[in-house]
Protein backbone atom coordinates (compact mmCIF):
# COMPACT_ATOMS: atom_id res chain seq x y z
CA MET A 1 112.01 106.02 80.82
CA PRO A 2 115.04 104.93 82.68
CA LEU A 3 114.35 102.41 85.29
CA TYR A 4 111.05 100.63 85.76
CA LYS A 5 111.24 98.39 88.62
CA SER A 6 113.83 97.85 91.26
CA ILE A 7 113.95 94.85 93.55
CA THR A 8 116.04 94.18 96.18
CA VAL A 9 115.22 90.06 96.98
CA ASP A 10 118.02 90.00 99.94
CA GLU A 11 121.34 91.72 100.85
CA ASP A 12 123.10 90.11 98.06
CA THR A 13 120.70 90.47 95.12
CA HIS A 14 119.11 92.92 93.03
CA VAL A 15 116.86 93.18 90.14
CA LEU A 16 116.54 95.86 87.94
CA ILE A 17 113.98 96.33 85.35
CA TRP A 18 113.93 98.38 82.03
CA LYS A 19 110.92 99.94 79.89
CA ILE A 20 112.55 100.19 76.67
CA GLU A 21 111.22 103.48 75.03
CA GLU A 22 113.65 105.16 73.81
CA SER A 23 115.58 105.41 70.64
CA PHE A 24 118.92 103.50 70.01
CA GLU A 25 121.08 106.61 69.93
CA GLN A 26 119.11 107.69 72.93
CA LEU A 27 120.04 104.39 74.91
CA SER A 28 123.74 104.92 73.70
CA LYS A 29 124.56 107.79 75.25
CA GLY A 30 127.50 107.26 78.29
CA ILE A 31 127.80 103.95 77.12
CA SER A 32 131.11 102.45 75.93
CA LEU A 33 131.43 99.20 74.23
CA THR A 34 134.23 96.45 73.80
CA LYS A 35 134.98 96.34 70.38
CA ARG A 36 133.47 92.77 70.22
CA CYS A 37 130.24 94.00 71.80
CA GLN A 38 130.26 96.92 69.25
CA GLN A 39 130.81 94.36 66.54
CA ARG A 40 127.73 92.43 67.90
CA VAL A 41 125.53 95.37 67.94
CA ASP A 42 126.57 96.28 64.70
CA GLY A 43 125.67 93.45 63.13
CA MET A 44 121.79 93.53 64.61
CA LYS A 45 119.44 93.88 61.75
CA SER A 46 116.57 94.11 64.52
CA ASP A 47 115.94 97.58 66.01
CA ILE A 48 114.30 96.30 69.45
CA HIS A 49 117.24 93.65 69.93
CA ARG A 50 120.04 96.69 69.58
CA ARG A 51 117.77 98.32 71.89
CA GLY A 52 117.46 95.60 73.63
CA PHE A 53 121.02 95.37 74.10
CA MET A 54 121.87 98.64 74.58
CA SER A 55 119.25 98.75 77.77
CA ILE A 56 121.00 96.22 79.33
CA ARG A 57 124.34 98.27 78.89
CA GLN A 58 122.27 101.25 81.07
CA LEU A 59 121.12 98.69 83.66
CA LEU A 60 124.33 97.65 84.33
CA ALA A 61 125.80 101.52 84.62
CA ILE A 62 123.15 102.14 86.82
CA VAL A 63 124.66 99.66 89.33
CA GLY A 64 128.41 100.49 88.89
CA TYR A 65 129.53 98.34 85.77
CA SER A 66 130.63 99.01 82.42
CA ASP A 67 130.06 96.34 79.39
CA ASN A 68 134.10 95.84 80.00
CA ASP A 69 133.11 94.26 83.21
CA LEU A 70 131.05 91.61 81.75
CA TYR A 71 132.02 88.30 79.71
CA TYR A 72 130.63 85.03 79.20
CA ASN A 73 131.92 81.47 79.51
CA ASP A 74 131.56 78.95 76.66
CA PHE A 75 128.71 78.11 77.25
CA GLY A 76 127.48 81.76 76.73
CA LYS A 77 126.48 82.41 80.58
CA PRO A 78 127.61 85.79 81.59
CA TYR A 79 130.01 86.31 84.46
CA LEU A 80 131.17 90.18 86.21
CA VAL A 81 134.64 90.37 86.41
CA ASP A 82 134.63 90.97 89.95
CA GLY A 83 133.06 87.21 90.81
CA LYS A 84 129.45 88.27 91.32
CA GLN A 85 126.81 86.40 89.72
CA ILE A 86 124.39 87.85 86.57
CA SER A 87 121.80 87.04 84.51
CA ILE A 88 120.22 88.81 81.94
CA THR A 89 117.38 88.58 79.45
CA HIS A 90 115.00 90.76 76.65
CA SER A 91 111.97 90.58 75.83
CA PHE A 92 110.20 93.21 72.94
CA GLU A 93 110.03 96.30 75.13
CA PHE A 94 111.30 94.73 78.62
CA SER A 95 114.93 93.99 79.55
CA ALA A 96 116.45 92.87 83.23
CA ILE A 97 119.55 91.92 85.02
CA ILE A 98 119.56 90.27 87.93
CA ILE A 99 122.86 90.61 90.24
CA SER A 100 123.86 88.35 93.43
CA ASN A 101 126.55 86.53 95.19
CA LYS A 102 124.50 83.63 94.45
CA ILE A 103 123.79 81.38 91.19
CA ILE A 104 121.07 82.73 89.95
CA GLY A 105 118.93 82.62 86.52
CA ILE A 106 116.32 85.77 85.10
CA ASP A 107 113.77 85.45 82.17
CA ILE A 108 111.20 88.08 80.90
CA GLU A 109 108.31 86.77 78.68
CA LYS A 110 105.90 88.20 77.13
CA GLN A 111 102.21 86.51 77.46
CA ARG A 112 100.89 85.45 74.00
CA GLU A 113 97.96 82.39 73.55
CA LYS A 114 100.43 80.54 71.21
CA ILE A 115 102.46 78.94 74.31
CA ASN A 116 99.91 77.13 74.63
CA LYS A 117 100.82 75.38 70.96
CA ILE A 118 104.19 74.64 72.15
CA SER A 119 103.58 73.71 76.02
CA HIS A 120 103.93 69.92 75.10
CA LYS A 121 107.66 70.83 74.38
CA PHE A 122 108.21 71.90 78.17
CA VAL A 123 105.33 70.81 80.30
CA THR A 124 104.97 67.07 81.82
CA SER A 125 104.06 66.84 85.40
CA GLU A 126 102.95 70.44 85.57
CA ALA A 127 99.96 69.86 83.24
CA ASN A 128 98.28 68.84 86.77
CA TYR A 129 97.68 71.66 87.99
CA ILE A 130 97.15 73.92 85.28
CA ILE A 131 94.05 76.03 85.51
CA GLU A 132 92.23 75.58 82.48
CA GLU A 133 90.96 79.46 82.33
CA MET A 134 94.74 80.72 83.54
CA ASN A 135 96.29 78.53 80.90
CA THR A 136 98.81 81.73 79.19
CA ARG A 137 99.36 83.09 82.31
CA MET A 138 100.30 79.83 84.14
CA LEU A 139 102.44 78.36 81.46
CA THR A 140 104.69 81.77 81.12
CA VAL A 141 105.37 81.47 84.62
CA ILE A 142 106.70 77.72 83.91
CA TRP A 143 108.61 78.54 80.72
CA GLY A 144 110.13 81.67 82.35
CA SER A 145 111.21 79.61 85.44
CA LYS A 146 112.42 76.59 83.49
CA GLU A 147 114.33 79.38 81.11
CA SER A 148 115.31 80.95 84.27
CA LEU A 149 116.71 77.45 86.10
CA TYR A 150 118.39 76.99 82.58
CA LYS A 151 120.37 79.61 82.80
CA LEU A 152 121.14 79.25 86.38
CA TYR A 153 122.14 75.82 85.52
CA ALA A 154 124.13 76.51 82.39
CA THR A 155 125.18 72.62 81.63
CA PRO A 156 124.93 71.37 78.16
CA GLY A 157 122.16 68.50 77.47
CA LEU A 158 119.87 70.04 79.98
CA SER A 159 116.36 69.42 78.76
CA PHE A 160 113.05 71.71 79.76
CA ALA A 161 110.77 68.77 79.87
CA GLN A 162 113.09 65.57 80.97
CA HIS A 163 115.36 67.58 83.94
CA ILE A 164 113.40 70.71 85.21
CA THR A 165 109.97 70.41 86.82
CA ILE A 166 108.10 73.21 88.52
CA HIS A 167 106.11 71.86 91.38
CA PRO A 168 102.63 73.21 91.88
CA PHE A 169 102.21 76.87 92.68
CA GLU A 170 99.27 79.82 92.46
CA LEU A 171 99.24 83.24 90.60
CA SER A 172 97.88 84.81 93.28
CA ILE A 173 101.29 84.12 95.51
CA PRO A 174 104.08 84.96 93.69
CA PHE A 175 106.47 82.11 94.77
CA ALA A 176 107.35 79.19 93.15
CA THR A 177 109.50 76.13 93.80
CA GLY A 178 111.64 73.79 91.25
CA THR A 179 113.93 71.11 90.69
CA ILE A 180 116.76 70.45 88.50
CA ALA A 181 117.02 65.94 88.30
CA HIS A 182 119.91 65.53 85.84
CA LYS A 183 122.64 63.29 85.92
CA ASP A 184 122.10 61.65 89.01
CA THR A 185 122.11 65.05 90.91
CA ILE A 186 118.63 66.57 92.18
CA SER A 187 118.66 70.18 92.85
CA HIS A 188 116.41 72.76 94.69
CA PHE A 189 115.27 76.13 93.73
CA MET A 190 113.35 78.94 94.84
CA ILE A 191 111.40 80.99 92.27
CA SER A 192 109.56 84.60 92.40
CA PHE A 193 107.53 85.97 89.39
CA LEU A 194 105.84 89.07 89.00
CA GLU A 195 103.32 90.15 85.97
CA PHE A 196 103.46 93.71 84.66
CA GLU A 197 101.93 95.19 81.43
CA GLY A 198 101.29 91.61 80.27
CA PHE A 199 104.80 90.03 80.85
CA THR A 200 106.10 87.97 82.95
CA CYS A 201 109.36 87.63 85.08
CA THR A 202 110.65 84.55 86.78
CA TYR A 203 113.74 84.99 88.78
CA ALA A 204 115.45 81.90 90.48
CA MET A 205 118.27 81.06 93.26
CA PRO A 206 119.32 77.90 95.11
CA MET A 207 116.95 77.10 97.40
CA GLN A 208 119.43 75.94 100.28
CA ASN A 209 121.16 79.17 99.55
CA LEU A 210 118.25 81.54 101.18
CA ASP A 211 118.24 82.65 105.08
């Protein structure tokens, strides 16, 4: 199927989610890659990674961009040539992009119980409000939120556990707030999340820029 979900966050910010059901060949139709990206996709051994890569290009095409409009800085953060901000994510059969005039970050994660085994690597004060029977879902929101903020901030040395805090939230209300405290600077962010088909998508933007 083409577009799975489209979300207008505000007049300048849009989220597009793709469910990857097509073959690599189908996803490649109508897409022209730069030489560098063609080499990247040719070197991918995983079929789902190759299809995820091309589904992102399909999402770009929907909003009027080509592969040639996308570039990355030295930290690996993507940008668009017209100056707009973009963040990209891919997990199993879903991929997504968020485009905005603001700095933004997005992440999709599959809800898997094994996240409980690694929670000590990224959970600190968040442990105080996690509800045991909702462990996996809440941890996935926390991980995805921190991943979104990590992509947004794009600064070497940023630690999920030491520098990023996700404040108490409820799964029934698909919004949260987060803080990055790094190098004597404290920044506050708004986070939105949605759950679908056993996956969680989170996206973040600076709180002070919201109307």
